[in-house]
Amino acid sequence: MTMFTEVKIPLVCTYDSEANAAYIYLQHPVAAGTCEQVVPFDPEHGMFNLDLNAGGRILGLEIVGAREHLPPALLQAILNHDPSQTQSTP
């Protein structure tokens, strides 16, 4: 039985530099009205929110204060990403 498997899965990530907020989508696209509940966590160190659907599945993670909490290389990669270079999955 395999207890640990490492895989690389492309995720959709966005960053709003004006709001200094990043969003990591675990489901994309998220249809309007799909998010039924926002669960905040670790409010002492930042504002982090899990967005959940009606079934309690996590749709994504919002990170407010992203410049302070995410690796600079990740933010730079999001900002430098060229959407025309994204491969679509059949």
PDB file of N, CA and C in Angstrom:
ATOM      1  N   MET A   1       0.840  -1.173   0.000  1.00  0.00           N
ATOM      2  CA  MET A   1       0.000   0.000   0.000  1.00  0.00           C
ATOM      3  C   MET A   1       0.890   1.243   0.000  1.00  0.00           C
ATOM      4  N   THR A   2       0.641   2.162  -0.915  1.00  0.00           N
ATOM      5  CA  THR A   2       1.403   3.394  -0.989  1.00  0.00           C
ATOM      6  C   THR A   2       0.801   4.408  -0.024  1.00  0.00           C
ATOM      7  N   MET A   3       1.643   4.933   0.863  1.00  0.00           N
ATOM      8  CA  MET A   3       1.175   5.907   1.842  1.00  0.00           C
ATOM      9  C   MET A   3       1.409   7.344   1.365  1.00  0.00           C
ATOM     10  N   PHE A   4       2.328   7.508   0.434  1.00  0.00           N
ATOM     11  CA  PHE A   4       2.677   8.850  -0.009  1.00  0.00           C
ATOM     12  C   PHE A   4       3.016   8.810  -1.483  1.00  0.00           C
ATOM     13  N   THR A   5       2.414   9.671  -2.241  1.00  0.00           N
ATOM     14  CA  THR A   5       2.707   9.790  -3.658  1.00  0.00           C
ATOM     15  C   THR A   5       2.896  11.264  -3.973  1.00  0.00           C
ATOM     16  N   GLU A   6       3.965  11.569  -4.665  1.00  0.00           N
ATOM     17  CA  GLU A   6       4.211  12.951  -5.061  1.00  0.00           C
ATOM     18  C   GLU A   6       3.819  13.124  -6.517  1.00  0.00           C
ATOM     19  N   VAL A   7       2.959  14.112  -6.771  1.00  0.00           N
ATOM     20  CA  VAL A   7       2.530  14.415  -8.127  1.00  0.00           C
ATOM     21  C   VAL A   7       2.565  15.923  -8.328  1.00  0.00           C
ATOM     22  N   LYS A   8       2.708  16.323  -9.571  1.00  0.00           N
ATOM     23  CA  LYS A   8       2.631  17.731  -9.919  1.00  0.00           C
ATOM     24  C   LYS A   8       1.344  17.934 -10.690  1.00  0.00           C
ATOM     25  N   ILE A   9       0.466  18.749 -10.124  1.00  0.00           N
ATOM     26  CA  ILE A   9      -0.842  19.001 -10.713  1.00  0.00           C
ATOM     27  C   ILE A   9      -0.950  20.495 -10.961  1.00  0.00           C
ATOM     28  N   PRO A  10      -1.248  20.890 -12.185  1.00  0.00           N
ATOM     29  CA  PRO A  10      -1.393  22.327 -12.438  1.00  0.00           C
ATOM     30  C   PRO A  10      -2.643  22.870 -11.741  1.00  0.00           C
ATOM     31  N   LEU A  11      -2.469  23.975 -11.043  1.00  0.00           N
ATOM     32  CA  LEU A  11      -3.580  24.655 -10.389  1.00  0.00           C
ATOM     33  C   LEU A  11      -3.712  26.053 -10.977  1.00  0.00           C
ATOM     34  N   VAL A  12      -4.906  26.587 -10.937  1.00  0.00           N
ATOM     35  CA  VAL A  12      -5.132  27.958 -11.364  1.00  0.00           C
ATOM     36  C   VAL A  12      -4.933  28.848 -10.142  1.00  0.00           C
ATOM     37  N   CYS A  13      -4.066  29.836 -10.290  1.00  0.00           N
ATOM     38  CA  CYS A  13      -3.784  30.786  -9.217  1.00  0.00           C
ATOM     39  C   CYS A  13      -3.922  32.191  -9.774  1.00  0.00           C
ATOM     40  N   THR A  14      -4.499  33.075  -8.982  1.00  0.00           N
ATOM     41  CA  THR A  14      -4.610  34.469  -9.387  1.00  0.00           C
ATOM     42  C   THR A  14      -4.066  35.343  -8.269  1.00  0.00           C
ATOM     43  N   TYR A  15      -3.671  36.557  -8.643  1.00  0.00           N
ATOM     44  CA  TYR A  15      -3.163  37.509  -7.655  1.00  0.00           C
ATOM     45  C   TYR A  15      -3.651  38.892  -8.030  1.00  0.00           C
ATOM     46  N   ASP A  16      -4.238  39.576  -7.063  1.00  0.00           N
ATOM     47  CA  ASP A  16      -4.701  40.948  -7.230  1.00  0.00           C
ATOM     48  C   ASP A  16      -3.734  41.825  -6.451  1.00  0.00           C
ATOM     49  N   SER A  17      -2.818  42.505  -7.162  1.00  0.00           N
ATOM     50  CA  SER A  17      -1.786  43.293  -6.483  1.00  0.00           C
ATOM     51  C   SER A  17      -2.383  44.490  -5.753  1.00  0.00           C
ATOM     52  N   GLU A  18      -3.493  45.021  -6.242  1.00  0.00           N
ATOM     53  CA  GLU A  18      -4.129  46.158  -5.573  1.00  0.00           C
ATOM     54  C   GLU A  18      -4.678  45.747  -4.201  1.00  0.00           C
ATOM     55  N   ALA A  19      -5.277  44.571  -4.133  1.00  0.00           N
ATOM     56  CA  ALA A  19      -5.823  44.064  -2.868  1.00  0.00           C
ATOM     57  C   ALA A  19      -4.794  43.240  -2.092  1.00  0.00           C
ATOM     58  N   ASN A  20      -3.654  42.937  -2.728  1.00  0.00           N
ATOM     59  CA  ASN A  20      -2.629  42.069  -2.150  1.00  0.00           C
ATOM     60  C   ASN A  20      -3.251  40.742  -1.708  1.00  0.00           C
ATOM     61  N   ALA A  21      -4.037  40.160  -2.609  1.00  0.00           N
ATOM     62  CA  ALA A  21      -4.731  38.915  -2.309  1.00  0.00           C
ATOM     63  C   ALA A  21      -4.488  37.902  -3.427  1.00  0.00           C
ATOM     64  N   ALA A  22      -4.228  36.679  -3.020  1.00  0.00           N
ATOM     65  CA  ALA A  22      -4.043  35.580  -3.974  1.00  0.00           C
ATOM     66  C   ALA A  22      -5.179  34.587  -3.777  1.00  0.00           C
ATOM     67  N   TYR A  23      -5.500  33.887  -4.861  1.00  0.00           N
ATOM     68  CA  TYR A  23      -6.521  32.853  -4.788  1.00  0.00           C
ATOM     69  C   TYR A  23      -5.980  31.617  -5.492  1.00  0.00           C
ATOM     70  N   ILE A  24      -6.037  30.502  -4.806  1.00  0.00           N
ATOM     71  CA  ILE A  24      -5.609  29.225  -5.368  1.00  0.00           C
ATOM     72  C   ILE A  24      -6.868  28.381  -5.536  1.00  0.00           C
ATOM     73  N   TYR A  25      -7.203  28.115  -6.785  1.00  0.00           N
ATOM     74  CA  TYR A  25      -8.422  27.372  -7.105  1.00  0.00           C
ATOM     75  C   TYR A  25      -8.137  25.871  -7.034  1.00  0.00           C
ATOM     76  N   LEU A  26      -8.952  25.148  -6.303  1.00  0.00           N
ATOM     77  CA  LEU A  26      -8.884  23.690  -6.309  1.00  0.00           C
ATOM     78  C   LEU A  26      -9.926  23.133  -7.261  1.00  0.00           C
ATOM     79  N   GLN A  27     -10.888  23.962  -7.603  1.00  0.00           N
ATOM     80  CA  GLN A  27     -11.860  23.668  -8.654  1.00  0.00           C
ATOM     81  C   GLN A  27     -11.912  24.902  -9.533  1.00  0.00           C
ATOM     82  N   HIS A  28     -11.799  24.698 -10.826  1.00  0.00           N
ATOM     83  CA  HIS A  28     -11.837  25.849 -11.731  1.00  0.00           C
ATOM     84  C   HIS A  28     -12.552  25.447 -13.001  1.00  0.00           C
ATOM     85  N   PRO A  29     -13.420  26.251 -13.511  1.00  0.00           N
ATOM     86  CA  PRO A  29     -13.876  27.514 -12.937  1.00  0.00           C
ATOM     87  C   PRO A  29     -14.866  27.259 -11.809  1.00  0.00           C
ATOM     88  N   VAL A  30     -15.005  28.254 -10.946  1.00  0.00           N
ATOM     89  CA  VAL A  30     -15.999  28.209  -9.878  1.00  0.00           C
ATOM     90  C   VAL A  30     -17.183  29.050 -10.354  1.00  0.00           C
ATOM     91  N   ALA A  31     -18.289  28.400 -10.555  1.00  0.00           N
ATOM     92  CA  ALA A  31     -19.488  29.099 -11.047  1.00  0.00           C
ATOM     93  C   ALA A  31     -20.010  30.051  -9.980  1.00  0.00           C
ATOM     94  N   ALA A  32     -20.582  31.152 -10.421  1.00  0.00           N
ATOM     95  CA  ALA A  32     -21.172  32.126  -9.498  1.00  0.00           C
ATOM     96  C   ALA A  32     -22.187  31.432  -8.606  1.00  0.00           C
ATOM     97  N   GLY A  33     -22.140  31.706  -7.326  1.00  0.00           N
ATOM     98  CA  GLY A  33     -23.076  31.135  -6.374  1.00  0.00           C
ATOM     99  C   GLY A  33     -22.690  29.761  -5.855  1.00  0.00           C
ATOM    100  N   THR A  34     -21.574  29.209  -6.334  1.00  0.00           N
ATOM    101  CA  THR A  34     -21.152  27.875  -5.905  1.00  0.00           C
ATOM    102  C   THR A  34     -20.620  27.878  -4.477  1.00  0.00           C
ATOM    103  N   CYS A  35     -19.960  28.953  -4.094  1.00  0.00           N
ATOM    104  CA  CYS A  35     -19.402  29.044  -2.747  1.00  0.00           C
ATOM    105  C   CYS A  35     -20.528  29.262  -1.752  1.00  0.00           C
ATOM    106  N   GLU A  36     -20.724  28.286  -0.876  1.00  0.00           N
ATOM    107  CA  GLU A  36     -21.790  28.350   0.120  1.00  0.00           C
ATOM    108  C   GLU A  36     -21.287  28.824   1.474  1.00  0.00           C
ATOM    109  N   GLN A  37     -19.991  28.616   1.737  1.00  0.00           N
ATOM    110  CA  GLN A  37     -19.470  28.947   3.060  1.00  0.00           C
ATOM    111  C   GLN A  37     -18.014  29.374   2.944  1.00  0.00           C
ATOM    112  N   VAL A  38     -17.646  30.400   3.681  1.00  0.00           N
ATOM    113  CA  VAL A  38     -16.264  30.849   3.773  1.00  0.00           C
ATOM    114  C   VAL A  38     -15.801  30.554   5.191  1.00  0.00           C
ATOM    115  N   VAL A  39     -14.717  29.769   5.296  1.00  0.00           N
ATOM    116  CA  VAL A  39     -14.202  29.387   6.606  1.00  0.00           C
ATOM    117  C   VAL A  39     -12.860  30.080   6.814  1.00  0.00           C
ATOM    118  N   PRO A  40     -12.808  31.086   7.705  1.00  0.00           N
ATOM    119  CA  PRO A  40     -11.542  31.752   7.980  1.00  0.00           C
ATOM    120  C   PRO A  40     -10.700  30.897   8.925  1.00  0.00           C
ATOM    121  N   PHE A  41      -9.378  30.988   8.765  1.00  0.00           N
ATOM    122  CA  PHE A  41      -8.503  30.315   9.724  1.00  0.00           C
ATOM    123  C   PHE A  41      -7.228  31.123   9.927  1.00  0.00           C
ATOM    124  N   ASP A  42      -6.619  30.957  11.066  1.00  0.00           N
ATOM    125  CA  ASP A  42      -5.416  31.647  11.525  1.00  0.00           C
ATOM    126  C   ASP A  42      -5.527  33.168  11.405  1.00  0.00           C
ATOM    127  N   PRO A  43      -6.585  33.755  11.972  1.00  0.00           N
ATOM    128  CA  PRO A  43      -6.756  35.207  11.859  1.00  0.00           C
ATOM    129  C   PRO A  43      -5.699  36.017  12.600  1.00  0.00           C
ATOM    130  N   GLU A  44      -4.919  35.382  13.475  1.00  0.00           N
ATOM    131  CA  GLU A  44      -3.851  36.099  14.179  1.00  0.00           C
ATOM    132  C   GLU A  44      -2.708  36.482  13.256  1.00  0.00           C
ATOM    133  N   HIS A  45      -2.436  35.655  12.250  1.00  0.00           N
ATOM    134  CA  HIS A  45      -1.260  35.857  11.402  1.00  0.00           C
ATOM    135  C   HIS A  45      -1.594  36.336   9.997  1.00  0.00           C
ATOM    136  N   GLY A  46      -2.854  36.493   9.707  1.00  0.00           N
ATOM    137  CA  GLY A  46      -3.262  36.926   8.372  1.00  0.00           C
ATOM    138  C   GLY A  46      -4.719  36.609   8.165  1.00  0.00           C
ATOM    139  N   MET A  47      -5.180  36.851   6.968  1.00  0.00           N
ATOM    140  CA  MET A  47      -6.556  36.505   6.644  1.00  0.00           C
ATOM    141  C   MET A  47      -6.517  35.422   5.575  1.00  0.00           C
ATOM    142  N   PHE A  48      -6.861  34.219   5.980  1.00  0.00           N
ATOM    143  CA  PHE A  48      -6.880  33.066   5.088  1.00  0.00           C
ATOM    144  C   PHE A  48      -8.294  32.510   5.114  1.00  0.00           C
ATOM    145  N   ASN A  49      -8.835  32.222   3.941  1.00  0.00           N
ATOM    146  CA  ASN A  49     -10.211  31.727   3.853  1.00  0.00           C
ATOM    147  C   ASN A  49     -10.286  30.506   2.960  1.00  0.00           C
ATOM    148  N   LEU A  50     -10.980  29.496   3.435  1.00  0.00           N
ATOM    149  CA  LEU A  50     -11.332  28.348   2.600  1.00  0.00           C
ATOM    150  C   LEU A  50     -12.740  28.566   2.095  1.00  0.00           C
ATOM    151  N   ASP A  51     -12.936  28.456   0.798  1.00  0.00           N
ATOM    152  CA  ASP A  51     -14.264  28.556   0.207  1.00  0.00           C
ATOM    153  C   ASP A  51     -14.794  27.148  -0.006  1.00  0.00           C
ATOM    154  N   LEU A  52     -15.991  26.882   0.527  1.00  0.00           N
ATOM    155  CA  LEU A  52     -16.590  25.554   0.456  1.00  0.00           C
ATOM    156  C   LEU A  52     -17.883  25.581  -0.341  1.00  0.00           C
ATOM    157  N   ASN A  53     -18.153  24.467  -1.037  1.00  0.00           N
ATOM    158  CA  ASN A  53     -19.435  24.359  -1.734  1.00  0.00           C
ATOM    159  C   ASN A  53     -20.482  23.794  -0.779  1.00  0.00           C
ATOM    160  N   ALA A  54     -21.693  23.571  -1.268  1.00  0.00           N
ATOM    161  CA  ALA A  54     -22.789  23.104  -0.417  1.00  0.00           C
ATOM    162  C   ALA A  54     -22.502  21.747   0.201  1.00  0.00           C
ATOM    163  N   GLY A  55     -21.679  20.934  -0.455  1.00  0.00           N
ATOM    164  CA  GLY A  55     -21.334  19.613   0.066  1.00  0.00           C
ATOM    165  C   GLY A  55     -20.141  19.621   1.007  1.00  0.00           C
ATOM    166  N   GLY A  56     -19.595  20.813   1.273  1.00  0.00           N
ATOM    167  CA  GLY A  56     -18.452  20.918   2.174  1.00  0.00           C
ATOM    168  C   GLY A  56     -17.105  20.690   1.507  1.00  0.00           C
ATOM    169  N   ARG A  57     -17.085  20.580   0.182  1.00  0.00           N
ATOM    170  CA  ARG A  57     -15.818  20.405  -0.536  1.00  0.00           C
ATOM    171  C   ARG A  57     -15.145  21.752  -0.719  1.00  0.00           C
ATOM    172  N   ILE A  58     -13.823  21.744  -0.616  1.00  0.00           N
ATOM    173  CA  ILE A  58     -13.049  22.981  -0.739  1.00  0.00           C
ATOM    174  C   ILE A  58     -12.925  23.363  -2.207  1.00  0.00           C
ATOM    175  N   LEU A  59     -13.348  24.584  -2.524  1.00  0.00           N
ATOM    176  CA  LEU A  59     -13.250  25.109  -3.889  1.00  0.00           C
ATOM    177  C   LEU A  59     -11.931  25.840  -4.108  1.00  0.00           C
ATOM    178  N   GLY A  60     -11.456  26.490  -3.056  1.00  0.00           N
ATOM    179  CA  GLY A  60     -10.228  27.258  -3.204  1.00  0.00           C
ATOM    180  C   GLY A  60      -9.808  27.883  -1.889  1.00  0.00           C
ATOM    181  N   LEU A  61      -8.669  28.539  -1.954  1.00  0.00           N
ATOM    182  CA  LEU A  61      -8.060  29.177  -0.798  1.00  0.00           C
ATOM    183  C   LEU A  61      -7.750  30.619  -1.154  1.00  0.00           C
ATOM    184  N   GLU A  62      -8.230  31.555  -0.346  1.00  0.00           N
ATOM    185  CA  GLU A  62      -7.932  32.965  -0.525  1.00  0.00           C
ATOM    186  C   GLU A  62      -6.911  33.374   0.533  1.00  0.00           C
ATOM    187  N   ILE A  63      -5.880  34.084   0.100  1.00  0.00           N
ATOM    188  CA  ILE A  63      -4.832  34.540   1.003  1.00  0.00           C
ATOM    189  C   ILE A  63      -4.726  36.051   0.887  1.00  0.00           C
ATOM    190  N   VAL A  64      -5.233  36.754   1.894  1.00  0.00           N
ATOM    191  CA  VAL A  64      -5.129  38.207   1.936  1.00  0.00           C
ATOM    192  C   VAL A  64      -3.817  38.527   2.640  1.00  0.00           C
ATOM    193  N   GLY A  65      -3.055  39.453   2.067  1.00  0.00           N
ATOM    194  CA  GLY A  65      -1.705  39.709   2.557  1.00  0.00           C
ATOM    195  C   GLY A  65      -0.724  38.754   1.895  1.00  0.00           C
ATOM    196  N   ALA A  66      -1.006  38.428   0.638  1.00  0.00           N
ATOM    197  CA  ALA A  66      -0.243  37.411  -0.082  1.00  0.00           C
ATOM    198  C   ALA A  66       1.254  37.718  -0.139  1.00  0.00           C
ATOM    199  N   ARG A  67       1.614  38.985  -0.301  1.00  0.00           N
ATOM    200  CA  ARG A  67       3.050  39.320  -0.379  1.00  0.00           C
ATOM    201  C   ARG A  67       3.781  38.919   0.888  1.00  0.00           C
ATOM    202  N   GLU A  68       3.089  38.954   2.013  1.00  0.00           N
ATOM    203  CA  GLU A  68       3.716  38.602   3.285  1.00  0.00           C
ATOM    204  C   GLU A  68       3.679  37.098   3.576  1.00  0.00           C
ATOM    205  N   HIS A  69       2.792  36.362   2.913  1.00  0.00           N
ATOM    206  CA  HIS A  69       2.573  34.969   3.293  1.00  0.00           C
ATOM    207  C   HIS A  69       2.947  33.933   2.238  1.00  0.00           C
ATOM    208  N   LEU A  70       3.084  34.338   0.992  1.00  0.00           N
ATOM    209  CA  LEU A  70       3.427  33.369  -0.054  1.00  0.00           C
ATOM    210  C   LEU A  70       4.871  33.552  -0.491  1.00  0.00           C
ATOM    211  N   PRO A  71       5.483  32.489  -0.987  1.00  0.00           N
ATOM    212  CA  PRO A  71       6.850  32.613  -1.495  1.00  0.00           C
ATOM    213  C   PRO A  71       6.892  33.621  -2.650  1.00  0.00           C
ATOM    214  N   PRO A  72       7.879  34.523  -2.651  1.00  0.00           N
ATOM    215  CA  PRO A  72       7.981  35.508  -3.724  1.00  0.00           C
ATOM    216  C   PRO A  72       8.017  34.876  -5.112  1.00  0.00           C
ATOM    217  N   ALA A  73       8.642  33.711  -5.237  1.00  0.00           N
ATOM    218  CA  ALA A  73       8.728  33.049  -6.546  1.00  0.00           C
ATOM    219  C   ALA A  73       7.341  32.657  -7.061  1.00  0.00           C
ATOM    220  N   LEU A  74       6.445  32.273  -6.167  1.00  0.00           N
ATOM    221  CA  LEU A  74       5.083  31.921  -6.588  1.00  0.00           C
ATOM    222  C   LEU A  74       4.340  33.155  -7.082  1.00  0.00           C
ATOM    223  N   LEU A  75       4.416  34.248  -6.340  1.00  0.00           N
ATOM    224  CA  LEU A  75       3.759  35.484  -6.783  1.00  0.00           C
ATOM    225  C   LEU A  75       4.320  35.953  -8.118  1.00  0.00           C
ATOM    226  N   GLN A  76       5.639  35.870  -8.276  1.00  0.00           N
ATOM    227  CA  GLN A  76       6.260  36.294  -9.526  1.00  0.00           C
ATOM    228  C   GLN A  76       5.804  35.406 -10.680  1.00  0.00           C
ATOM    229  N   ALA A  77       5.705  34.112 -10.432  1.00  0.00           N
ATOM    230  CA  ALA A  77       5.245  33.186 -11.472  1.00  0.00           C
ATOM    231  C   ALA A  77       3.808  33.503 -11.889  1.00  0.00           C
ATOM    232  N   ILE A  78       2.962  33.833 -10.912  1.00  0.00           N
ATOM    233  CA  ILE A  78       1.575  34.189 -11.236  1.00  0.00           C
ATOM    234  C   ILE A  78       1.547  35.460 -12.074  1.00  0.00           C
ATOM    235  N   LEU A  79       2.323  36.463 -11.663  1.00  0.00           N
ATOM    236  CA  LEU A  79       2.347  37.739 -12.380  1.00  0.00           C
ATOM    237  C   LEU A  79       2.938  37.613 -13.780  1.00  0.00           C
ATOM    238  N   ASN A  80       3.904  36.712 -13.959  1.00  0.00           N
ATOM    239  CA  ASN A  80       4.575  36.540 -15.250  1.00  0.00           C
ATOM    240  C   ASN A  80       3.856  35.572 -16.175  1.00  0.00           C
ATOM    241  N   HIS A  81       2.846  34.876 -15.672  1.00  0.00           N
ATOM    242  CA  HIS A  81       2.177  33.842 -16.458  1.00  0.00           C
ATOM    243  C   HIS A  81       1.494  34.428 -17.686  1.00  0.00           C
ATOM    244  N   ASP A  82       1.704  33.781 -18.803  1.00  0.00           N
ATOM    245  CA  ASP A  82       1.071  34.171 -20.059  1.00  0.00           C
ATOM    246  C   ASP A  82      -0.055  33.179 -20.339  1.00  0.00           C
ATOM    247  N   PRO A  83      -1.311  33.571 -20.166  1.00  0.00           N
ATOM    248  CA  PRO A  83      -2.435  32.634 -20.349  1.00  0.00           C
ATOM    249  C   PRO A  83      -2.473  31.992 -21.722  1.00  0.00           C
ATOM    250  N   SER A  84      -1.912  32.639 -22.745  1.00  0.00           N
ATOM    251  CA  SER A  84      -1.924  32.045 -24.078  1.00  0.00           C
ATOM    252  C   SER A  84      -1.012  30.823 -24.167  1.00  0.00           C
ATOM    253  N   GLN A  85      -0.138  30.652 -23.181  1.00  0.00           N
ATOM    254  CA  GLN A  85       0.771  29.507 -23.169  1.00  0.00           C
ATOM    255  C   GLN A  85       0.209  28.320 -22.380  1.00  0.00           C
ATOM    256  N   THR A  86      -0.972  28.484 -21.808  1.00  0.00           N
ATOM    257  CA  THR A  86      -1.598  27.418 -21.015  1.00  0.00           C
ATOM    258  C   THR A  86      -2.102  26.332 -21.938  1.00  0.00           C
ATOM    259  N   GLN A  87      -1.761  25.080 -21.578  1.00  0.00           N
ATOM    260  CA  GLN A  87      -2.241  23.947 -22.349  1.00  0.00           C
ATOM    261  C   GLN A  87      -3.582  23.528 -21.803  1.00  0.00           C
ATOM    262  N   SER A  88      -4.515  23.267 -22.677  1.00  0.00           N
ATOM    263  CA  SER A  88      -5.807  22.775 -22.207  1.00  0.00           C
ATOM    264  C   SER A  88      -5.770  21.262 -22.135  1.00  0.00           C
ATOM    265  N   THR A  89      -6.547  20.725 -21.222  1.00  0.00           N
ATOM    266  CA  THR A  89      -6.601  19.285 -21.026  1.00  0.00           C
ATOM    267  C   THR A  89      -7.813  18.747 -21.784  1.00  0.00           C
ATOM    268  N   PRO A  90      -7.627  17.689 -22.551  1.00  0.00           N
ATOM    269  CA  PRO A  90      -8.777  17.135 -23.306  1.00  0.00           C
ATOM    270  C   PRO A  90      -9.839  16.574 -22.418  1.00  0.00           C
TER     271      PRO A  90
END
